[in-house]
Amino acid sequence: MKKLRIICLLIGAVQVSLAQTDKEAVTETLVHYIEGTANGEPERLKKAFHPDFNLYFVKNDSVSVWKGADYIGNVKEGRKSNRIGKIVAMDITNDAATAKVEIDMPDRKRLYTDYFLLLKTQGRWQIVHKSFTFVTY
């Protein structure tokens, strides 16, 4: 019985360790997005996003789709922008995650809210979907 208890404790410790590792990996993916867009680093965006991702937003009261490749293409190497990002929320289960990120753009007086779906394949977390909206202040 004592051995079984020790084994259960070890399994629990490994699960906690894995959860922290996934949280750190999802955070790293989101930081690639935040810093890549702010610092003009399209290669970091390519690390963060799955090649087939798209962005979804509401325009004229209808859903609009922005191709991910076009979005990354708008980020020019070395062209910095005044974007201040922070991770607001994250939820991870097995190989799927959601995240909420806020991007403050003081020059435009806008606060963007990004909602992400991420999947883990081959040991790597990538954003497969982004929906966003903004408020003007």
C-alpha atoms as a PDB file:
ATOM      1  CA  MET A   1       0.000   0.000   0.000  1.00  0.00           C
ATOM      2  CA  LYS A   2       2.862   2.363   0.817  1.00  0.00           C
ATOM      3  CA  LYS A   3       4.452   1.674  -2.602  1.00  0.00           C
ATOM      4  CA  LEU A   4       1.157   2.403  -4.344  1.00  0.00           C
ATOM      5  CA  ARG A   5       0.875   5.737  -2.525  1.00  0.00           C
ATOM      6  CA  ILE A   6       4.426   6.677  -3.555  1.00  0.00           C
ATOM      7  CA  ILE A   7       3.717   5.727  -7.178  1.00  0.00           C
ATOM      8  CA  CYS A   8       0.540   7.836  -7.158  1.00  0.00           C
ATOM      9  CA  LEU A   9       2.448  10.794  -5.725  1.00  0.00           C
ATOM     10  CA  LEU A  10       5.138  10.445  -8.386  1.00  0.00           C
ATOM     11  CA  ILE A  11       2.552  10.269 -11.172  1.00  0.00           C
ATOM     12  CA  GLY A  12       0.875  13.376  -9.768  1.00  0.00           C
ATOM     13  CA  ALA A  13       4.201  15.207  -9.631  1.00  0.00           C
ATOM     14  CA  VAL A  14       4.953  14.287 -13.252  1.00  0.00           C
ATOM     15  CA  GLN A  15       1.504  15.521 -14.346  1.00  0.00           C
ATOM     16  CA  VAL A  16       2.037  18.848 -12.554  1.00  0.00           C
ATOM     17  CA  SER A  17       5.464  19.138 -14.152  1.00  0.00           C
ATOM     18  CA  LEU A  18       4.028  18.464 -17.622  1.00  0.00           C
ATOM     19  CA  ALA A  19       1.255  21.010 -17.085  1.00  0.00           C
ATOM     20  CA  GLN A  20       3.819  23.646 -16.162  1.00  0.00           C
ATOM     21  CA  THR A  21       5.868  22.739 -19.211  1.00  0.00           C
ATOM     22  CA  ASP A  22       2.821  23.126 -21.478  1.00  0.00           C
ATOM     23  CA  LYS A  23       1.943  26.440 -19.833  1.00  0.00           C
ATOM     24  CA  GLU A  24       5.472  27.666 -20.413  1.00  0.00           C
ATOM     25  CA  ALA A  25       5.400  26.453 -24.030  1.00  0.00           C
ATOM     26  CA  VAL A  26       2.042  28.114 -24.760  1.00  0.00           C
ATOM     27  CA  THR A  27       3.339  31.293 -23.125  1.00  0.00           C
ATOM     28  CA  GLU A  28       6.440  31.147 -25.320  1.00  0.00           C
ATOM     29  CA  THR A  29       4.270  30.795 -28.442  1.00  0.00           C
ATOM     30  CA  LEU A  30       2.164  33.799 -27.417  1.00  0.00           C
ATOM     31  CA  VAL A  31       5.291  35.847 -26.655  1.00  0.00           C
ATOM     32  CA  HIS A  32       6.588  35.058 -30.168  1.00  0.00           C
ATOM     33  CA  TYR A  33       3.345  36.576 -31.467  1.00  0.00           C
ATOM     34  CA  ILE A  34       3.412  39.609 -29.147  1.00  0.00           C
ATOM     35  CA  GLU A  35       7.084  40.455 -29.636  1.00  0.00           C
ATOM     36  CA  GLY A  36       7.187  39.427 -33.300  1.00  0.00           C
ATOM     37  CA  THR A  37       4.472  41.911 -34.234  1.00  0.00           C
ATOM     38  CA  ALA A  38       5.847  44.662 -31.980  1.00  0.00           C
ATOM     39  CA  ASN A  39       9.455  44.335 -33.162  1.00  0.00           C
ATOM     40  CA  GLY A  40       8.947  43.545 -36.839  1.00  0.00           C
ATOM     41  CA  GLU A  41      10.044  39.910 -36.663  1.00  0.00           C
ATOM     42  CA  PRO A  42       8.033  37.834 -39.156  1.00  0.00           C
ATOM     43  CA  GLU A  43      10.135  34.727 -38.434  1.00  0.00           C
ATOM     44  CA  ARG A  44       8.861  34.757 -34.848  1.00  0.00           C
ATOM     45  CA  LEU A  45       5.307  34.904 -36.172  1.00  0.00           C
ATOM     46  CA  LYS A  46       6.018  31.882 -38.351  1.00  0.00           C
ATOM     47  CA  LYS A  47       7.091  30.048 -35.179  1.00  0.00           C
ATOM     48  CA  ALA A  48       3.892  31.062 -33.384  1.00  0.00           C
ATOM     49  CA  PHE A  49       1.332  30.370 -36.111  1.00  0.00           C
ATOM     50  CA  HIS A  50       0.471  27.165 -37.936  1.00  0.00           C
ATOM     51  CA  PRO A  51       0.983  27.686 -41.702  1.00  0.00           C
ATOM     52  CA  ASP A  52      -2.766  27.239 -42.403  1.00  0.00           C
ATOM     53  CA  PHE A  53      -4.076  29.669 -39.763  1.00  0.00           C
ATOM     54  CA  ASN A  54      -6.524  32.466 -40.535  1.00  0.00           C
ATOM     55  CA  LEU A  55      -7.771  35.468 -38.589  1.00  0.00           C
ATOM     56  CA  TYR A  56     -11.453  36.181 -38.092  1.00  0.00           C
ATOM     57  CA  PHE A  57     -13.075  39.493 -37.199  1.00  0.00           C
ATOM     58  CA  VAL A  58     -16.333  41.388 -37.638  1.00  0.00           C
ATOM     59  CA  LYS A  59     -16.497  44.055 -40.330  1.00  0.00           C
ATOM     60  CA  ASN A  60     -19.750  45.763 -41.355  1.00  0.00           C
ATOM     61  CA  ASP A  61     -21.645  43.342 -39.098  1.00  0.00           C
ATOM     62  CA  SER A  62     -20.317  40.310 -41.006  1.00  0.00           C
ATOM     63  CA  VAL A  63     -17.551  37.803 -40.361  1.00  0.00           C
ATOM     64  CA  SER A  64     -14.397  38.619 -42.308  1.00  0.00           C
ATOM     65  CA  VAL A  65     -11.448  36.315 -42.881  1.00  0.00           C
ATOM     66  CA  TRP A  66      -7.833  37.445 -43.209  1.00  0.00           C
ATOM     67  CA  LYS A  67      -5.421  34.841 -44.568  1.00  0.00           C
ATOM     68  CA  GLY A  68      -2.648  34.125 -42.113  1.00  0.00           C
ATOM     69  CA  ALA A  69       0.082  34.318 -44.748  1.00  0.00           C
ATOM     70  CA  ASP A  70      -1.117  37.822 -45.703  1.00  0.00           C
ATOM     71  CA  TYR A  71      -1.158  38.851 -42.038  1.00  0.00           C
ATOM     72  CA  ILE A  72       2.444  37.705 -41.527  1.00  0.00           C
ATOM     73  CA  GLY A  73       3.388  39.348 -44.849  1.00  0.00           C
ATOM     74  CA  ASN A  74       2.294  42.719 -43.418  1.00  0.00           C
ATOM     75  CA  VAL A  75       4.953  42.469 -40.695  1.00  0.00           C
ATOM     76  CA  LYS A  76       8.133  43.897 -42.186  1.00  0.00           C
ATOM     77  CA  GLU A  77      11.524  42.847 -40.829  1.00  0.00           C
ATOM     78  CA  GLY A  78      12.823  45.421 -38.347  1.00  0.00           C
ATOM     79  CA  ARG A  79       9.773  47.710 -38.577  1.00  0.00           C
ATOM     80  CA  LYS A  80       8.793  48.243 -34.957  1.00  0.00           C
ATOM     81  CA  SER A  81       5.326  49.327 -33.907  1.00  0.00           C
ATOM     82  CA  ASN A  82       4.089  50.745 -30.649  1.00  0.00           C
ATOM     83  CA  ARG A  83       2.200  47.661 -29.449  1.00  0.00           C
ATOM     84  CA  ILE A  84       2.100  46.641 -25.804  1.00  0.00           C
ATOM     85  CA  GLY A  85       0.882  43.100 -25.338  1.00  0.00           C
ATOM     86  CA  LYS A  86      -0.037  41.029 -22.329  1.00  0.00           C
ATOM     87  CA  ILE A  87      -1.432  37.555 -21.820  1.00  0.00           C
ATOM     88  CA  VAL A  88      -4.725  37.846 -19.964  1.00  0.00           C
ATOM     89  CA  ALA A  89      -5.910  34.235 -19.768  1.00  0.00           C
ATOM     90  CA  MET A  90      -4.948  30.732 -20.792  1.00  0.00           C
ATOM     91  CA  ASP A  91      -6.598  27.310 -20.560  1.00  0.00           C
ATOM     92  CA  ILE A  92      -4.851  24.072 -21.524  1.00  0.00           C
ATOM     93  CA  THR A  93      -6.232  20.551 -21.777  1.00  0.00           C
ATOM     94  CA  ASN A  94      -4.039  17.810 -23.188  1.00  0.00           C
ATOM     95  CA  ASP A  95      -3.061  18.997 -26.695  1.00  0.00           C
ATOM     96  CA  ALA A  96      -5.512  21.913 -27.040  1.00  0.00           C
ATOM     97  CA  ALA A  97      -5.437  25.383 -25.519  1.00  0.00           C
ATOM     98  CA  THR A  98      -7.185  28.733 -25.617  1.00  0.00           C
ATOM     99  CA  ALA A  99      -5.664  32.094 -24.808  1.00  0.00           C
ATOM    100  CA  LYS A 100      -6.717  35.712 -24.532  1.00  0.00           C
ATOM    101  CA  VAL A 101      -4.205  38.465 -25.239  1.00  0.00           C
ATOM    102  CA  GLU A 102      -4.639  42.227 -25.070  1.00  0.00           C
ATOM    103  CA  ILE A 103      -2.656  44.489 -27.370  1.00  0.00           C
ATOM    104  CA  ASP A 104      -2.619  48.184 -26.501  1.00  0.00           C
ATOM    105  CA  MET A 105      -1.824  50.450 -29.434  1.00  0.00           C
ATOM    106  CA  PRO A 106      -1.541  53.913 -27.857  1.00  0.00           C
ATOM    107  CA  ASP A 107      -0.678  55.668 -31.148  1.00  0.00           C
ATOM    108  CA  ARG A 108      -4.028  54.543 -32.569  1.00  0.00           C
ATOM    109  CA  LYS A 109      -5.821  54.772 -29.214  1.00  0.00           C
ATOM    110  CA  ARG A 110      -7.030  51.192 -29.587  1.00  0.00           C
ATOM    111  CA  LEU A 111      -7.077  48.205 -27.289  1.00  0.00           C
ATOM    112  CA  TYR A 112      -7.247  44.955 -29.240  1.00  0.00           C
ATOM    113  CA  THR A 113      -8.437  41.720 -27.687  1.00  0.00           C
ATOM    114  CA  ASP A 114      -7.178  38.574 -29.389  1.00  0.00           C
ATOM    115  CA  TYR A 115      -8.679  35.138 -28.824  1.00  0.00           C
ATOM    116  CA  PHE A 116      -6.498  32.201 -29.835  1.00  0.00           C
ATOM    117  CA  LEU A 117      -6.944  28.474 -30.334  1.00  0.00           C
ATOM    118  CA  LEU A 118      -3.694  26.538 -30.090  1.00  0.00           C
ATOM    119  CA  LEU A 119      -2.880  22.901 -30.761  1.00  0.00           C
ATOM    120  CA  LYS A 120       0.146  20.855 -29.791  1.00  0.00           C
ATOM    121  CA  THR A 121       1.550  18.579 -32.483  1.00  0.00           C
ATOM    122  CA  GLN A 122       4.934  16.900 -32.587  1.00  0.00           C
ATOM    123  CA  GLY A 123       5.714  18.455 -29.200  1.00  0.00           C
ATOM    124  CA  ARG A 124       5.127  22.018 -30.417  1.00  0.00           C
ATOM    125  CA  TRP A 125       2.341  24.486 -29.645  1.00  0.00           C
ATOM    126  CA  GLN A 126       1.060  26.604 -32.533  1.00  0.00           C
ATOM    127  CA  ILE A 127      -1.774  29.069 -32.983  1.00  0.00           C
ATOM    128  CA  VAL A 128      -4.287  27.617 -35.439  1.00  0.00           C
ATOM    129  CA  HIS A 129      -6.972  30.302 -35.119  1.00  0.00           C
ATOM    130  CA  LYS A 130      -7.139  33.950 -34.136  1.00  0.00           C
ATOM    131  CA  SER A 131     -10.272  36.049 -33.645  1.00  0.00           C
ATOM    132  CA  PHE A 132      -9.959  39.650 -32.611  1.00  0.00           C
ATOM    133  CA  THR A 133     -11.825  42.835 -31.874  1.00  0.00           C
ATOM    134  CA  PHE A 134     -10.893  46.281 -30.577  1.00  0.00           C
ATOM    135  CA  VAL A 135     -12.224  49.236 -28.657  1.00  0.00           C
ATOM    136  CA  THR A 136     -11.176  52.827 -29.173  1.00  0.00           C
ATOM    137  CA  TYR A 137     -10.235  54.902 -26.157  1.00  0.00           C
END
